[in-house]
Amino acid sequence: MPTTTPQARTVLEWFPAGGLRGSWSAEEYAADQRVQGTDAQVVMDLGSDQFLVVTDTTE
């Protein structure tokens, strides 16, 4: 079975998962970052119940 090494990520911003209905703040922030040239994506941190906007690039 192949093994993988965890990839270092930089958290750019975090948003509470219990935000307003219809509010996609994390997705909007990540999209803005991508427009500016940062490869940002949204992941869920189950431990803290937050959406994190992360990038594989270190800053």
N, C-alpha and C. Protein backbone atom coordinates (compact mmCIF):
# COMPACT_ATOMS: atom_id res chain seq x y z
N MET A 1 0.85 -1.17 0.00
CA MET A 1 0.00 0.00 0.00
C MET A 1 0.90 1.24 0.00
N PRO A 2 0.66 2.19 -0.91
CA PRO A 2 1.49 3.39 -0.97
C PRO A 2 1.25 4.28 0.25
N THR A 3 2.31 4.95 0.65
CA THR A 3 2.18 5.90 1.76
C THR A 3 2.26 7.31 1.21
N THR A 4 1.61 8.21 1.89
CA THR A 4 1.65 9.61 1.48
C THR A 4 2.19 10.44 2.64
N THR A 5 2.86 11.50 2.28
CA THR A 5 3.38 12.43 3.27
C THR A 5 2.42 13.60 3.36
N PRO A 6 2.03 14.00 4.57
CA PRO A 6 1.13 15.16 4.69
C PRO A 6 1.76 16.39 4.06
N GLN A 7 0.96 17.12 3.33
CA GLN A 7 1.44 18.32 2.65
C GLN A 7 1.24 19.53 3.55
N ALA A 8 2.25 20.37 3.65
CA ALA A 8 2.14 21.59 4.44
C ALA A 8 1.19 22.55 3.75
N ARG A 9 0.31 23.14 4.52
CA ARG A 9 -0.64 24.11 3.99
C ARG A 9 -0.61 25.36 4.86
N THR A 10 -0.95 26.46 4.25
CA THR A 10 -1.07 27.72 4.96
C THR A 10 -2.56 28.06 5.05
N VAL A 11 -3.04 28.34 6.26
CA VAL A 11 -4.43 28.77 6.44
C VAL A 11 -4.48 30.27 6.19
N LEU A 12 -5.26 30.66 5.20
CA LEU A 12 -5.39 32.08 4.87
C LEU A 12 -6.46 32.76 5.72
N GLU A 13 -7.55 32.02 5.99
CA GLU A 13 -8.67 32.59 6.75
C GLU A 13 -9.54 31.44 7.22
N TRP A 14 -10.36 31.66 8.24
CA TRP A 14 -11.28 30.64 8.71
C TRP A 14 -12.64 31.27 8.95
N PHE A 15 -13.67 30.44 8.78
CA PHE A 15 -15.05 30.90 8.89
C PHE A 15 -15.85 29.86 9.68
N PRO A 16 -16.73 30.29 10.59
CA PRO A 16 -17.52 29.34 11.36
C PRO A 16 -18.47 28.56 10.45
N ALA A 17 -18.63 27.29 10.73
CA ALA A 17 -19.51 26.45 9.91
C ALA A 17 -20.98 26.81 10.13
N GLY A 18 -21.31 27.40 11.26
CA GLY A 18 -22.70 27.73 11.56
C GLY A 18 -23.09 29.11 11.07
N GLY A 19 -22.54 29.54 9.95
CA GLY A 19 -22.85 30.87 9.42
C GLY A 19 -24.28 30.98 8.94
N LEU A 20 -24.64 32.14 8.46
CA LEU A 20 -25.99 32.39 7.97
C LEU A 20 -26.34 31.48 6.81
N ARG A 21 -27.59 31.09 6.74
CA ARG A 21 -28.04 30.26 5.61
C ARG A 21 -27.88 31.04 4.31
N GLY A 22 -27.39 30.36 3.31
CA GLY A 22 -27.17 31.02 2.03
C GLY A 22 -25.89 31.81 1.96
N SER A 23 -25.13 31.84 3.05
CA SER A 23 -23.87 32.56 3.07
C SER A 23 -22.73 31.59 2.80
N TRP A 24 -21.95 31.89 1.80
CA TRP A 24 -20.81 31.05 1.42
C TRP A 24 -19.54 31.86 1.55
N SER A 25 -19.33 32.45 2.72
CA SER A 25 -18.20 33.35 2.94
C SER A 25 -16.85 32.72 2.61
N ALA A 26 -16.64 31.48 3.02
CA ALA A 26 -15.36 30.81 2.77
C ALA A 26 -15.15 30.62 1.27
N GLU A 27 -16.19 30.18 0.56
CA GLU A 27 -16.08 29.98 -0.88
C GLU A 27 -15.82 31.30 -1.61
N GLU A 28 -16.50 32.36 -1.17
CA GLU A 28 -16.30 33.67 -1.80
C GLU A 28 -14.88 34.17 -1.56
N TYR A 29 -14.38 34.00 -0.34
CA TYR A 29 -13.02 34.42 -0.02
C TYR A 29 -12.00 33.64 -0.85
N ALA A 30 -12.19 32.32 -0.95
CA ALA A 30 -11.28 31.49 -1.75
C ALA A 30 -11.31 31.91 -3.22
N ALA A 31 -12.50 32.20 -3.74
CA ALA A 31 -12.60 32.64 -5.14
C ALA A 31 -11.86 33.96 -5.35
N ASP A 32 -11.99 34.88 -4.40
CA ASP A 32 -11.26 36.16 -4.50
C ASP A 32 -9.75 35.92 -4.49
N GLN A 33 -9.29 34.99 -3.65
CA GLN A 33 -7.87 34.68 -3.60
C GLN A 33 -7.39 34.08 -4.92
N ARG A 34 -8.20 33.22 -5.53
CA ARG A 34 -7.82 32.63 -6.82
C ARG A 34 -7.73 33.69 -7.91
N VAL A 35 -8.63 34.67 -7.89
CA VAL A 35 -8.58 35.77 -8.86
C VAL A 35 -7.27 36.53 -8.71
N GLN A 36 -6.77 36.64 -7.47
CA GLN A 36 -5.52 37.35 -7.21
C GLN A 36 -4.28 36.48 -7.43
N GLY A 37 -4.49 35.22 -7.86
CA GLY A 37 -3.37 34.37 -8.20
C GLY A 37 -2.95 33.36 -7.15
N THR A 38 -3.67 33.29 -6.03
CA THR A 38 -3.35 32.32 -4.98
C THR A 38 -4.24 31.10 -5.17
N ASP A 39 -3.63 29.93 -5.23
CA ASP A 39 -4.39 28.69 -5.39
C ASP A 39 -5.03 28.31 -4.06
N ALA A 40 -6.19 28.87 -3.77
CA ALA A 40 -6.86 28.66 -2.49
C ALA A 40 -8.00 27.67 -2.64
N GLN A 41 -8.21 26.89 -1.60
CA GLN A 41 -9.32 25.96 -1.57
C GLN A 41 -9.93 25.93 -0.18
N VAL A 42 -11.16 25.47 -0.09
CA VAL A 42 -11.87 25.42 1.18
C VAL A 42 -11.87 23.98 1.69
N VAL A 43 -11.52 23.81 2.95
CA VAL A 43 -11.59 22.50 3.61
C VAL A 43 -12.34 22.67 4.92
N MET A 44 -12.90 21.58 5.40
CA MET A 44 -13.63 21.60 6.67
C MET A 44 -12.74 21.05 7.77
N ASP A 45 -12.62 21.80 8.86
CA ASP A 45 -11.91 21.32 10.04
C ASP A 45 -12.98 20.85 11.02
N LEU A 46 -13.18 19.53 11.08
CA LEU A 46 -14.23 18.98 11.91
C LEU A 46 -14.00 19.24 13.40
N GLY A 47 -12.74 19.23 13.81
CA GLY A 47 -12.42 19.45 15.23
C GLY A 47 -12.87 20.80 15.74
N SER A 48 -12.72 21.83 14.91
CA SER A 48 -13.10 23.19 15.34
C SER A 48 -14.43 23.64 14.75
N ASP A 49 -15.04 22.81 13.90
CA ASP A 49 -16.30 23.13 13.22
C ASP A 49 -16.19 24.45 12.45
N GLN A 50 -15.10 24.55 11.67
CA GLN A 50 -14.86 25.74 10.86
C GLN A 50 -14.47 25.35 9.45
N PHE A 51 -14.79 26.24 8.52
CA PHE A 51 -14.27 26.11 7.16
C PHE A 51 -12.97 26.88 7.09
N LEU A 52 -11.93 26.25 6.58
CA LEU A 52 -10.63 26.89 6.44
C LEU A 52 -10.35 27.13 4.96
N VAL A 53 -9.86 28.31 4.65
CA VAL A 53 -9.38 28.60 3.29
C VAL A 53 -7.87 28.41 3.35
N VAL A 54 -7.40 27.42 2.58
CA VAL A 54 -5.99 27.05 2.64
C VAL A 54 -5.33 27.13 1.26
N THR A 55 -4.02 27.20 1.29
CA THR A 55 -3.22 27.14 0.07
C THR A 55 -2.03 26.24 0.34
N ASP A 56 -1.55 25.59 -0.69
CA ASP A 56 -0.38 24.72 -0.54
C ASP A 56 0.92 25.51 -0.50
N THR A 57 0.85 26.78 -0.87
CA THR A 57 2.04 27.62 -0.85
C THR A 57 2.24 28.19 0.53
N THR A 58 3.46 28.25 0.96
CA THR A 58 3.74 28.85 2.26
C THR A 58 3.99 30.34 2.08
N GLU A 59 3.54 31.08 3.05
CA GLU A 59 3.69 32.54 2.98
C GLU A 59 4.56 33.03 4.10
